[in-house]
Amino acid sequence: MPVYEYYCRTCQDKFELLRPMKQAALSANCPSGHQGATRTISVFAAIGRDEFGESASLGGGGCACGGACACGGH
């Protein structure tokens, strides 16, 4: 099951929730018990080494794909 990030407007808390993909768009209860938290866009970045052994940042591009598309927003 994937982990999704949600935001509670009542307490302004951002939290993660493990749930099935078919429930991803449903609102959730925050850890404080408030109802109606909405799903947010998760941003990620991977750090690795390039072919020369130098640090390289992978993903985390300018759009939601993380650099995996040809949208030009990177």
PDB file of N, CA and C in Angstrom:
ATOM      1  N   MET A   1       0.843  -1.191   0.000  1.00  0.00           N
ATOM      2  CA  MET A   1       0.000   0.000   0.000  1.00  0.00           C
ATOM      3  C   MET A   1       0.882   1.246   0.000  1.00  0.00           C
ATOM      4  N   PRO A   2       0.524   2.233  -0.787  1.00  0.00           N
ATOM      5  CA  PRO A   2       1.307   3.471  -0.833  1.00  0.00           C
ATOM      6  C   PRO A   2       1.028   4.395   0.352  1.00  0.00           C
ATOM      7  N   VAL A   3       1.960   5.299   0.574  1.00  0.00           N
ATOM      8  CA  VAL A   3       1.824   6.318   1.611  1.00  0.00           C
ATOM      9  C   VAL A   3       1.440   7.622   0.925  1.00  0.00           C
ATOM     10  N   TYR A   4       0.407   8.300   1.424  1.00  0.00           N
ATOM     11  CA  TYR A   4      -0.054   9.570   0.880  1.00  0.00           C
ATOM     12  C   TYR A   4       0.083  10.652   1.940  1.00  0.00           C
ATOM     13  N   GLU A   5       0.299  11.887   1.509  1.00  0.00           N
ATOM     14  CA  GLU A   5       0.381  13.031   2.419  1.00  0.00           C
ATOM     15  C   GLU A   5      -0.948  13.778   2.405  1.00  0.00           C
ATOM     16  N   TYR A   6      -1.395  14.183   3.588  1.00  0.00           N
ATOM     17  CA  TYR A   6      -2.643  14.921   3.748  1.00  0.00           C
ATOM     18  C   TYR A   6      -2.392  16.174   4.567  1.00  0.00           C
ATOM     19  N   TYR A   7      -3.282  17.149   4.421  1.00  0.00           N
ATOM     20  CA  TYR A   7      -3.175  18.412   5.142  1.00  0.00           C
ATOM     21  C   TYR A   7      -4.498  18.700   5.834  1.00  0.00           C
ATOM     22  N   CYS A   8      -4.441  18.997   7.134  1.00  0.00           N
ATOM     23  CA  CYS A   8      -5.614  19.358   7.913  1.00  0.00           C
ATOM     24  C   CYS A   8      -5.685  20.877   8.008  1.00  0.00           C
ATOM     25  N   ARG A   9      -6.739  21.463   7.469  1.00  0.00           N
ATOM     26  CA  ARG A   9      -6.898  22.918   7.507  1.00  0.00           C
ATOM     27  C   ARG A   9      -7.244  23.420   8.904  1.00  0.00           C
ATOM     28  N   THR A  10      -7.836  22.566   9.728  1.00  0.00           N
ATOM     29  CA  THR A  10      -8.227  22.981  11.073  1.00  0.00           C
ATOM     30  C   THR A  10      -7.011  23.233  11.961  1.00  0.00           C
ATOM     31  N   CYS A  11      -6.095  22.261  12.021  1.00  0.00           N
ATOM     32  CA  CYS A  11      -4.923  22.419  12.894  1.00  0.00           C
ATOM     33  C   CYS A  11      -3.645  22.719  12.106  1.00  0.00           C
ATOM     34  N   GLN A  12      -3.759  22.819  10.783  1.00  0.00           N
ATOM     35  CA  GLN A  12      -2.641  23.118   9.895  1.00  0.00           C
ATOM     36  C   GLN A  12      -1.508  22.101  10.018  1.00  0.00           C
ATOM     37  N   ASP A  13      -1.894  20.840  10.206  1.00  0.00           N
ATOM     38  CA  ASP A  13      -0.933  19.750  10.348  1.00  0.00           C
ATOM     39  C   ASP A  13      -0.839  18.988   9.032  1.00  0.00           C
ATOM     40  N   LYS A  14       0.370  18.627   8.631  1.00  0.00           N
ATOM     41  CA  LYS A  14       0.599  17.797   7.462  1.00  0.00           C
ATOM     42  C   LYS A  14       1.028  16.427   7.978  1.00  0.00           C
ATOM     43  N   PHE A  15       0.397  15.372   7.467  1.00  0.00           N
ATOM     44  CA  PHE A  15       0.687  14.028   7.962  1.00  0.00           C
ATOM     45  C   PHE A  15       0.612  13.022   6.828  1.00  0.00           C
ATOM     46  N   GLU A  16       1.184  11.846   7.068  1.00  0.00           N
ATOM     47  CA  GLU A  16       1.180  10.764   6.088  1.00  0.00           C
ATOM     48  C   GLU A  16       0.210   9.693   6.527  1.00  0.00           C
ATOM     49  N   LEU A  17      -0.366   9.014   5.523  1.00  0.00           N
ATOM     50  CA  LEU A  17      -1.336   7.970   5.806  1.00  0.00           C
ATOM     51  C   LEU A  17      -1.139   6.829   4.820  1.00  0.00           C
ATOM     52  N   LEU A  18      -1.025   5.625   5.334  1.00  0.00           N
ATOM     53  CA  LEU A  18      -0.892   4.423   4.527  1.00  0.00           C
ATOM     54  C   LEU A  18      -2.296   3.923   4.213  1.00  0.00           C
ATOM     55  N   ARG A  19      -2.664   3.896   2.925  1.00  0.00           N
ATOM     56  CA  ARG A  19      -4.002   3.439   2.551  1.00  0.00           C
ATOM     57  C   ARG A  19      -4.011   2.916   1.127  1.00  0.00           C
ATOM     58  N   PRO A  20      -5.012   2.104   0.782  1.00  0.00           N
ATOM     59  CA  PRO A  20      -5.095   1.569  -0.582  1.00  0.00           C
ATOM     60  C   PRO A  20      -5.237   2.691  -1.612  1.00  0.00           C
ATOM     61  N   MET A  21      -4.772   2.438  -2.837  1.00  0.00           N
ATOM     62  CA  MET A  21      -4.833   3.442  -3.900  1.00  0.00           C
ATOM     63  C   MET A  21      -6.265   3.890  -4.177  1.00  0.00           C
ATOM     64  N   LYS A  22      -7.228   2.996  -4.075  1.00  0.00           N
ATOM     65  CA  LYS A  22      -8.608   3.364  -4.367  1.00  0.00           C
ATOM     66  C   LYS A  22      -9.191   4.323  -3.330  1.00  0.00           C
ATOM     67  N   GLN A  23      -8.524   4.496  -2.187  1.00  0.00           N
ATOM     68  CA  GLN A  23      -8.977   5.433  -1.157  1.00  0.00           C
ATOM     69  C   GLN A  23      -8.140   6.708  -1.113  1.00  0.00           C
ATOM     70  N   ALA A  24      -7.190   6.866  -2.024  1.00  0.00           N
ATOM     71  CA  ALA A  24      -6.249   7.987  -1.997  1.00  0.00           C
ATOM     72  C   ALA A  24      -6.938   9.345  -2.058  1.00  0.00           C
ATOM     73  N   ALA A  25      -7.988   9.476  -2.853  1.00  0.00           N
ATOM     74  CA  ALA A  25      -8.658  10.770  -3.043  1.00  0.00           C
ATOM     75  C   ALA A  25      -9.657  11.094  -1.938  1.00  0.00           C
ATOM     76  N   LEU A  26      -9.980  10.133  -1.098  1.00  0.00           N
ATOM     77  CA  LEU A  26     -10.937  10.373  -0.016  1.00  0.00           C
ATOM     78  C   LEU A  26     -10.312  11.242   1.067  1.00  0.00           C
ATOM     79  N   SER A  27     -11.119  12.053   1.719  1.00  0.00           N
ATOM     80  CA  SER A  27     -10.605  12.853   2.834  1.00  0.00           C
ATOM     81  C   SER A  27     -10.253  11.921   3.992  1.00  0.00           C
ATOM     82  N   ALA A  28      -9.466  12.426   4.918  1.00  0.00           N
ATOM     83  CA  ALA A  28      -8.992  11.614   6.040  1.00  0.00           C
ATOM     84  C   ALA A  28      -9.137  12.391   7.345  1.00  0.00           C
ATOM     85  N   ASN A  29      -9.033  11.686   8.450  1.00  0.00           N
ATOM     86  CA  ASN A  29      -8.981  12.324   9.764  1.00  0.00           C
ATOM     87  C   ASN A  29      -7.523  12.538  10.130  1.00  0.00           C
ATOM     88  N   CYS A  30      -7.205  13.724  10.633  1.00  0.00           N
ATOM     89  CA  CYS A  30      -5.826  14.006  11.037  1.00  0.00           C
ATOM     90  C   CYS A  30      -5.528  13.315  12.366  1.00  0.00           C
ATOM     91  N   PRO A  31      -4.262  13.258  12.765  1.00  0.00           N
ATOM     92  CA  PRO A  31      -3.904  12.618  14.034  1.00  0.00           C
ATOM     93  C   PRO A  31      -4.591  13.246  15.257  1.00  0.00           C
ATOM     94  N   SER A  32      -5.013  14.520  15.145  1.00  0.00           N
ATOM     95  CA  SER A  32      -5.715  15.178  16.244  1.00  0.00           C
ATOM     96  C   SER A  32      -7.213  14.886  16.236  1.00  0.00           C
ATOM     97  N   GLY A  33      -7.670  14.171  15.197  1.00  0.00           N
ATOM     98  CA  GLY A  33      -9.069  13.771  15.129  1.00  0.00           C
ATOM     99  C   GLY A  33      -9.975  14.656  14.296  1.00  0.00           C
ATOM    100  N   HIS A  34      -9.428  15.696  13.685  1.00  0.00           N
ATOM    101  CA  HIS A  34     -10.240  16.562  12.826  1.00  0.00           C
ATOM    102  C   HIS A  34     -10.584  15.838  11.532  1.00  0.00           C
ATOM    103  N   GLN A  35     -11.786  16.029  11.052  1.00  0.00           N
ATOM    104  CA  GLN A  35     -12.224  15.401   9.809  1.00  0.00           C
ATOM    105  C   GLN A  35     -11.962  16.316   8.618  1.00  0.00           C
ATOM    106  N   GLY A  36     -11.878  15.730   7.441  1.00  0.00           N
ATOM    107  CA  GLY A  36     -11.801  16.502   6.211  1.00  0.00           C
ATOM    108  C   GLY A  36     -10.425  16.902   5.748  1.00  0.00           C
ATOM    109  N   ALA A  37      -9.367  16.240   6.229  1.00  0.00           N
ATOM    110  CA  ALA A  37      -8.023  16.545   5.726  1.00  0.00           C
ATOM    111  C   ALA A  37      -7.947  16.149   4.256  1.00  0.00           C
ATOM    112  N   THR A  38      -7.295  16.975   3.443  1.00  0.00           N
ATOM    113  CA  THR A  38      -7.208  16.729   2.009  1.00  0.00           C
ATOM    114  C   THR A  38      -5.818  16.267   1.608  1.00  0.00           C
ATOM    115  N   ARG A  39      -5.770  15.508   0.545  1.00  0.00           N
ATOM    116  CA  ARG A  39      -4.505  14.983   0.050  1.00  0.00           C
ATOM    117  C   ARG A  39      -3.690  16.107  -0.586  1.00  0.00           C
ATOM    118  N   THR A  40      -2.383  16.102  -0.359  1.00  0.00           N
ATOM    119  CA  THR A  40      -1.479  17.094  -0.931  1.00  0.00           C
ATOM    120  C   THR A  40      -0.563  16.417  -1.942  1.00  0.00           C
ATOM    121  N   ILE A  41       0.108  17.218  -2.735  1.00  0.00           N
ATOM    122  CA  ILE A  41       1.070  16.688  -3.685  1.00  0.00           C
ATOM    123  C   ILE A  41       2.379  16.426  -2.957  1.00  0.00           C
ATOM    124  N   SER A  42       2.871  15.214  -3.064  1.00  0.00           N
ATOM    125  CA  SER A  42       4.131  14.839  -2.429  1.00  0.00           C
ATOM    126  C   SER A  42       5.297  15.233  -3.320  1.00  0.00           C
ATOM    127  N   VAL A  43       6.303  15.836  -2.735  1.00  0.00           N
ATOM    128  CA  VAL A  43       7.518  16.201  -3.460  1.00  0.00           C
ATOM    129  C   VAL A  43       8.638  15.322  -2.925  1.00  0.00           C
ATOM    130  N   PHE A  44       9.419  14.784  -3.833  1.00  0.00           N
ATOM    131  CA  PHE A  44      10.515  13.926  -3.400  1.00  0.00           C
ATOM    132  C   PHE A  44      11.761  14.234  -4.210  1.00  0.00           C
ATOM    133  N   ALA A  45      12.869  13.815  -3.684  1.00  0.00           N
ATOM    134  CA  ALA A  45      14.137  13.922  -4.391  1.00  0.00           C
ATOM    135  C   ALA A  45      14.981  12.721  -4.005  1.00  0.00           C
ATOM    136  N   ALA A  46      15.743  12.223  -4.948  1.00  0.00           N
ATOM    137  CA  ALA A  46      16.653  11.115  -4.685  1.00  0.00           C
ATOM    138  C   ALA A  46      18.069  11.625  -4.897  1.00  0.00           C
ATOM    139  N   ILE A  47      18.958  11.260  -3.997  1.00  0.00           N
ATOM    140  CA  ILE A  47      20.345  11.674  -4.096  1.00  0.00           C
ATOM    141  C   ILE A  47      21.172  10.427  -4.405  1.00  0.00           C
ATOM    142  N   GLY A  48      22.012  10.541  -5.388  1.00  0.00           N
ATOM    143  CA  GLY A  48      22.849   9.411  -5.783  1.00  0.00           C
ATOM    144  C   GLY A  48      24.190   9.902  -6.286  1.00  0.00           C
ATOM    145  N   ARG A  49      24.881   9.050  -7.000  1.00  0.00           N
ATOM    146  CA  ARG A  49      26.190   9.374  -7.582  1.00  0.00           C
ATOM    147  C   ARG A  49      26.096   9.228  -9.094  1.00  0.00           C
ATOM    148  N   ASP A  50      26.755  10.136  -9.815  1.00  0.00           N
ATOM    149  CA  ASP A  50      26.799  10.004 -11.264  1.00  0.00           C
ATOM    150  C   ASP A  50      27.930   9.052 -11.654  1.00  0.00           C
ATOM    151  N   GLU A  51      28.167   8.906 -12.952  1.00  0.00           N
ATOM    152  CA  GLU A  51      29.177   7.958 -13.407  1.00  0.00           C
ATOM    153  C   GLU A  51      30.595   8.329 -13.002  1.00  0.00           C
ATOM    154  N   PHE A  52      30.806   9.560 -12.543  1.00  0.00           N
ATOM    155  CA  PHE A  52      32.125  10.010 -12.102  1.00  0.00           C
ATOM    156  C   PHE A  52      32.280   9.968 -10.581  1.00  0.00           C
ATOM    157  N   GLY A  53      31.258   9.470  -9.872  1.00  0.00           N
ATOM    158  CA  GLY A  53      31.316   9.391  -8.426  1.00  0.00           C
ATOM    159  C   GLY A  53      30.921  10.672  -7.718  1.00  0.00           C
ATOM    160  N   GLU A  54      30.453  11.658  -8.489  1.00  0.00           N
ATOM    161  CA  GLU A  54      30.035  12.934  -7.911  1.00  0.00           C
ATOM    162  C   GLU A  54      28.581  12.845  -7.446  1.00  0.00           C
ATOM    163  N   SER A  55      28.210  13.629  -6.434  1.00  0.00           N
ATOM    164  CA  SER A  55      26.825  13.668  -5.972  1.00  0.00           C
ATOM    165  C   SER A  55      25.933  14.185  -7.082  1.00  0.00           C
ATOM    166  N   ALA A  56      24.771  13.586  -7.226  1.00  0.00           N
ATOM    167  CA  ALA A  56      23.817  13.999  -8.258  1.00  0.00           C
ATOM    168  C   ALA A  56      22.422  13.947  -7.671  1.00  0.00           C
ATOM    169  N   SER A  57      21.606  14.930  -7.995  1.00  0.00           N
ATOM    170  CA  SER A  57      20.214  14.966  -7.562  1.00  0.00           C
ATOM    171  C   SER A  57      19.357  14.407  -8.678  1.00  0.00           C
ATOM    172  N   LEU A  58      18.500  13.462  -8.342  1.00  0.00           N
ATOM    173  CA  LEU A  58      17.619  12.833  -9.311  1.00  0.00           C
ATOM    174  C   LEU A  58      16.183  13.093  -8.908  1.00  0.00           C
ATOM    175  N   GLY A  59      15.327  13.483  -9.837  1.00  0.00           N
ATOM    176  CA  GLY A  59      13.924  13.731  -9.518  1.00  0.00           C
ATOM    177  C   GLY A  59      13.758  15.078  -8.859  1.00  0.00           C
ATOM    178  N   GLY A  60      12.547  15.323  -8.355  1.00  0.00           N
ATOM    179  CA  GLY A  60      12.262  16.594  -7.709  1.00  0.00           C
ATOM    180  C   GLY A  60      12.227  17.735  -8.695  1.00  0.00           C
ATOM    181  N   GLY A  61      11.837  17.450  -9.947  1.00  0.00           N
ATOM    182  CA  GLY A  61      11.795  18.471 -10.983  1.00  0.00           C
ATOM    183  C   GLY A  61      10.721  19.510 -10.745  1.00  0.00           C
ATOM    184  N   GLY A  62      10.498  20.373 -11.724  1.00  0.00           N
ATOM    185  CA  GLY A  62       9.563  21.471 -11.595  1.00  0.00           C
ATOM    186  C   GLY A  62       8.109  21.085 -11.753  1.00  0.00           C
ATOM    187  N   CYS A  63       7.819  19.823 -12.071  1.00  0.00           N
ATOM    188  CA  CYS A  63       6.420  19.415 -12.196  1.00  0.00           C
ATOM    189  C   CYS A  63       6.189  18.184 -11.328  1.00  0.00           C
ATOM    190  N   ALA A  64       4.964  17.708 -11.314  1.00  0.00           N
ATOM    191  CA  ALA A  64       4.595  16.595 -10.436  1.00  0.00           C
ATOM    192  C   ALA A  64       5.229  15.269 -10.831  1.00  0.00           C
ATOM    193  N   CYS A  65       5.795  15.178 -12.018  1.00  0.00           N
ATOM    194  CA  CYS A  65       6.370  13.912 -12.477  1.00  0.00           C
ATOM    195  C   CYS A  65       7.746  13.644 -11.865  1.00  0.00           C
ATOM    196  N   GLY A  66       8.379  14.644 -11.274  1.00  0.00           N
ATOM    197  CA  GLY A  66       9.699  14.450 -10.704  1.00  0.00           C
ATOM    198  C   GLY A  66      10.790  14.361 -11.751  1.00  0.00           C
ATOM    199  N   GLY A  67      10.501  14.857 -12.949  1.00  0.00           N
ATOM    200  CA  GLY A  67      11.504  14.846 -14.013  1.00  0.00           C
ATOM    201  C   GLY A  67      11.348  13.681 -14.964  1.00  0.00           C
ATOM    202  N   ALA A  68      10.266  12.922 -14.864  1.00  0.00           N
ATOM    203  CA  ALA A  68      10.082  11.745 -15.698  1.00  0.00           C
ATOM    204  C   ALA A  68       9.314  12.018 -16.992  1.00  0.00           C
ATOM    205  N   CYS A  69       8.944  13.259 -17.268  1.00  0.00           N
ATOM    206  CA  CYS A  69       8.187  13.555 -18.490  1.00  0.00           C
ATOM    207  C   CYS A  69       8.946  14.551 -19.358  1.00  0.00           C
ATOM    208  N   ALA A  70       8.347  14.930 -20.446  1.00  0.00           N
ATOM    209  CA  ALA A  70       8.971  15.862 -21.378  1.00  0.00           C
ATOM    210  C   ALA A  70       8.258  17.210 -21.355  1.00  0.00           C
ATOM    211  N   CYS A  71       7.701  17.591 -20.224  1.00  0.00           N
ATOM    212  CA  CYS A  71       6.886  18.810 -20.166  1.00  0.00           C
ATOM    213  C   CYS A  71       7.723  20.085 -20.229  1.00  0.00           C
ATOM    214  N   GLY A  72       8.988  20.000 -19.966  1.00  0.00           N
ATOM    215  CA  GLY A  72       9.851  21.172 -20.020  1.00  0.00           C
ATOM    216  C   GLY A  72       9.808  22.022 -18.769  1.00  0.00           C
ATOM    217  N   GLY A  73       9.116  21.585 -17.710  1.00  0.00           N
ATOM    218  CA  GLY A  73       9.021  22.388 -16.485  1.00  0.00           C
ATOM    219  C   GLY A  73      10.088  22.068 -15.461  1.00  0.00           C
ATOM    220  N   HIS A  74      11.227  21.629 -15.929  1.00  0.00           N
ATOM    221  CA  HIS A  74      12.281  21.180 -14.993  1.00  0.00           C
ATOM    222  C   HIS A  74      13.349  22.217 -14.861  1.00  0.00           C
TER     223      HIS A  74
END
